Amino acid sequence: MNHRILSSNSQAEIVNLFTSVFTDSEGQAEGKIIGNLTSELFKAIDDKNILCFATYEHNS
């Protein structure tokens, strides 16, 4: 597994991930809600005081 710090430039990638996962498991409406929530939370990441960490399998 690879661990890395995500920058605010990763917003689209993370929003798409959460949207697709929740759409597949809970339906399109829930996926859209979670995607919007993720987008709003990501706006708080300033790459200095608030950081986002991710763990990837393989070299994704």
N, C-alpha and C. Protein backbone atom coordinates (compact mmCIF):
# COMPACT_ATOMS: atom_id res chain seq x y z
N MET A 1 0.84 -1.17 0.00
CA MET A 1 0.00 0.00 0.00
C MET A 1 0.88 1.24 0.00
N ASN A 2 0.42 2.24 -0.68
CA ASN A 2 1.13 3.51 -0.76
C ASN A 2 0.34 4.57 0.00
N HIS A 3 1.02 5.31 0.84
CA HIS A 3 0.40 6.40 1.59
C HIS A 3 0.92 7.71 1.03
N ARG A 4 0.04 8.68 0.94
CA ARG A 4 0.49 9.99 0.48
C ARG A 4 -0.43 11.09 1.00
N ILE A 5 0.11 12.28 1.01
CA ILE A 5 -0.67 13.46 1.38
C ILE A 5 -1.28 14.01 0.10
N LEU A 6 -2.58 14.25 0.14
CA LEU A 6 -3.26 14.81 -1.02
C LEU A 6 -3.28 16.33 -0.90
N SER A 7 -3.10 16.98 -2.00
CA SER A 7 -3.19 18.44 -2.01
C SER A 7 -4.60 18.84 -2.40
N SER A 8 -4.87 20.10 -2.30
CA SER A 8 -6.19 20.60 -2.70
C SER A 8 -6.43 20.38 -4.20
N ASN A 9 -5.38 20.10 -4.96
CA ASN A 9 -5.53 19.80 -6.39
C ASN A 9 -6.16 18.44 -6.64
N SER A 10 -6.28 17.62 -5.61
CA SER A 10 -6.83 16.26 -5.75
C SER A 10 -8.34 16.23 -5.58
N GLN A 11 -8.97 17.37 -5.47
CA GLN A 11 -10.40 17.41 -5.16
C GLN A 11 -11.25 16.60 -6.12
N ALA A 12 -11.08 16.77 -7.41
CA ALA A 12 -11.92 16.07 -8.38
C ALA A 12 -11.78 14.56 -8.25
N GLU A 13 -10.57 14.09 -8.05
CA GLU A 13 -10.31 12.65 -7.91
C GLU A 13 -11.05 12.08 -6.69
N ILE A 14 -10.97 12.76 -5.57
CA ILE A 14 -11.59 12.27 -4.33
C ILE A 14 -13.11 12.39 -4.39
N VAL A 15 -13.61 13.49 -4.91
CA VAL A 15 -15.06 13.66 -5.05
C VAL A 15 -15.63 12.57 -5.95
N ASN A 16 -14.97 12.30 -7.06
CA ASN A 16 -15.43 11.24 -7.97
C ASN A 16 -15.41 9.88 -7.30
N LEU A 17 -14.39 9.61 -6.50
CA LEU A 17 -14.31 8.34 -5.78
C LEU A 17 -15.50 8.17 -4.84
N PHE A 18 -15.74 9.15 -3.98
CA PHE A 18 -16.85 9.05 -3.02
C PHE A 18 -18.20 9.00 -3.73
N THR A 19 -18.36 9.79 -4.78
CA THR A 19 -19.62 9.79 -5.53
C THR A 19 -19.88 8.42 -6.14
N SER A 20 -18.88 7.84 -6.78
CA SER A 20 -19.09 6.54 -7.44
C SER A 20 -19.31 5.42 -6.44
N VAL A 21 -18.58 5.42 -5.34
CA VAL A 21 -18.75 4.36 -4.33
C VAL A 21 -20.14 4.42 -3.72
N PHE A 22 -20.59 5.60 -3.33
CA PHE A 22 -21.90 5.70 -2.71
C PHE A 22 -23.03 5.56 -3.72
N THR A 23 -22.82 5.93 -4.96
CA THR A 23 -23.82 5.69 -6.00
C THR A 23 -24.00 4.20 -6.21
N ASP A 24 -22.90 3.46 -6.27
CA ASP A 24 -22.98 2.01 -6.46
C ASP A 24 -23.64 1.30 -5.28
N SER A 25 -23.37 1.77 -4.06
CA SER A 25 -23.90 1.06 -2.90
C SER A 25 -25.26 1.56 -2.42
N GLU A 26 -25.54 2.85 -2.59
CA GLU A 26 -26.75 3.43 -2.01
C GLU A 26 -27.69 4.08 -3.03
N GLY A 27 -27.27 4.20 -4.26
CA GLY A 27 -28.11 4.80 -5.29
C GLY A 27 -27.62 6.18 -5.70
N GLN A 28 -28.15 6.64 -6.83
CA GLN A 28 -27.67 7.88 -7.43
C GLN A 28 -27.89 9.10 -6.54
N ALA A 29 -29.04 9.19 -5.90
CA ALA A 29 -29.32 10.36 -5.05
C ALA A 29 -28.34 10.45 -3.89
N GLU A 30 -28.10 9.31 -3.23
CA GLU A 30 -27.16 9.30 -2.10
C GLU A 30 -25.74 9.59 -2.58
N GLY A 31 -25.37 9.05 -3.73
CA GLY A 31 -24.05 9.31 -4.29
C GLY A 31 -23.83 10.79 -4.55
N LYS A 32 -24.86 11.45 -5.05
CA LYS A 32 -24.76 12.89 -5.32
C LYS A 32 -24.62 13.68 -4.02
N ILE A 33 -25.37 13.30 -3.00
CA ILE A 33 -25.30 13.99 -1.70
C ILE A 33 -23.91 13.85 -1.10
N ILE A 34 -23.39 12.63 -1.09
CA ILE A 34 -22.06 12.39 -0.52
C ILE A 34 -20.98 13.08 -1.36
N GLY A 35 -21.14 13.08 -2.67
CA GLY A 35 -20.20 13.79 -3.53
C GLY A 35 -20.17 15.28 -3.22
N ASN A 36 -21.35 15.87 -3.02
CA ASN A 36 -21.43 17.30 -2.68
C ASN A 36 -20.81 17.57 -1.31
N LEU A 37 -21.07 16.68 -0.34
CA LEU A 37 -20.48 16.83 0.99
C LEU A 37 -18.96 16.76 0.91
N THR A 38 -18.46 15.80 0.16
CA THR A 38 -17.01 15.65 -0.01
C THR A 38 -16.41 16.91 -0.63
N SER A 39 -17.07 17.45 -1.62
CA SER A 39 -16.59 18.67 -2.27
C SER A 39 -16.53 19.83 -1.28
N GLU A 40 -17.56 19.97 -0.46
CA GLU A 40 -17.58 21.05 0.53
C GLU A 40 -16.48 20.87 1.57
N LEU A 41 -16.28 19.65 2.04
CA LEU A 41 -15.23 19.39 3.03
C LEU A 41 -13.85 19.63 2.44
N PHE A 42 -13.69 19.30 1.17
CA PHE A 42 -12.39 19.46 0.53
C PHE A 42 -11.99 20.93 0.42
N LYS A 43 -12.96 21.82 0.41
CA LYS A 43 -12.66 23.25 0.33
C LYS A 43 -11.89 23.74 1.56
N ALA A 44 -11.97 23.00 2.67
CA ALA A 44 -11.28 23.39 3.90
C ALA A 44 -9.80 23.04 3.87
N ILE A 45 -9.39 22.18 2.94
CA ILE A 45 -7.99 21.77 2.86
C ILE A 45 -7.17 22.92 2.31
N ASP A 46 -6.23 23.38 3.12
CA ASP A 46 -5.41 24.51 2.69
C ASP A 46 -3.95 24.13 2.45
N ASP A 47 -3.63 22.85 2.54
CA ASP A 47 -2.28 22.32 2.33
C ASP A 47 -1.27 22.82 3.37
N LYS A 48 -1.74 23.47 4.42
CA LYS A 48 -0.85 23.95 5.49
C LYS A 48 -1.35 23.50 6.85
N ASN A 49 -2.55 23.91 7.21
CA ASN A 49 -3.11 23.60 8.52
C ASN A 49 -4.04 22.40 8.51
N ILE A 50 -4.68 22.16 7.39
CA ILE A 50 -5.58 21.01 7.25
C ILE A 50 -5.06 20.18 6.08
N LEU A 51 -4.77 18.92 6.38
CA LEU A 51 -4.21 18.02 5.37
C LEU A 51 -5.14 16.85 5.15
N CYS A 52 -5.02 16.24 4.00
CA CYS A 52 -5.79 15.05 3.66
C CYS A 52 -4.80 13.94 3.30
N PHE A 53 -4.96 12.79 3.94
CA PHE A 53 -4.09 11.65 3.68
C PHE A 53 -4.88 10.57 2.96
N ALA A 54 -4.21 9.82 2.09
CA ALA A 54 -4.86 8.73 1.36
C ALA A 54 -3.95 7.52 1.34
N THR A 55 -4.56 6.36 1.27
CA THR A 55 -3.83 5.10 1.12
C THR A 55 -4.33 4.43 -0.14
N TYR A 56 -3.40 4.07 -0.99
CA TYR A 56 -3.71 3.46 -2.28
C TYR A 56 -3.13 2.05 -2.34
N GLU A 57 -3.86 1.15 -2.97
CA GLU A 57 -3.30 -0.15 -3.28
C GLU A 57 -2.50 0.00 -4.57
N HIS A 58 -1.46 -0.74 -4.69
CA HIS A 58 -0.61 -0.73 -5.89
C HIS A 58 0.02 0.65 -6.07
N ASN A 59 0.13 1.09 -7.29
CA ASN A 59 0.76 2.39 -7.58
C ASN A 59 -0.23 3.41 -8.08
N SER A 60 -1.47 3.34 -7.63
CA SER A 60 -2.51 4.26 -8.09
C SER A 60 -2.19 5.68 -7.71
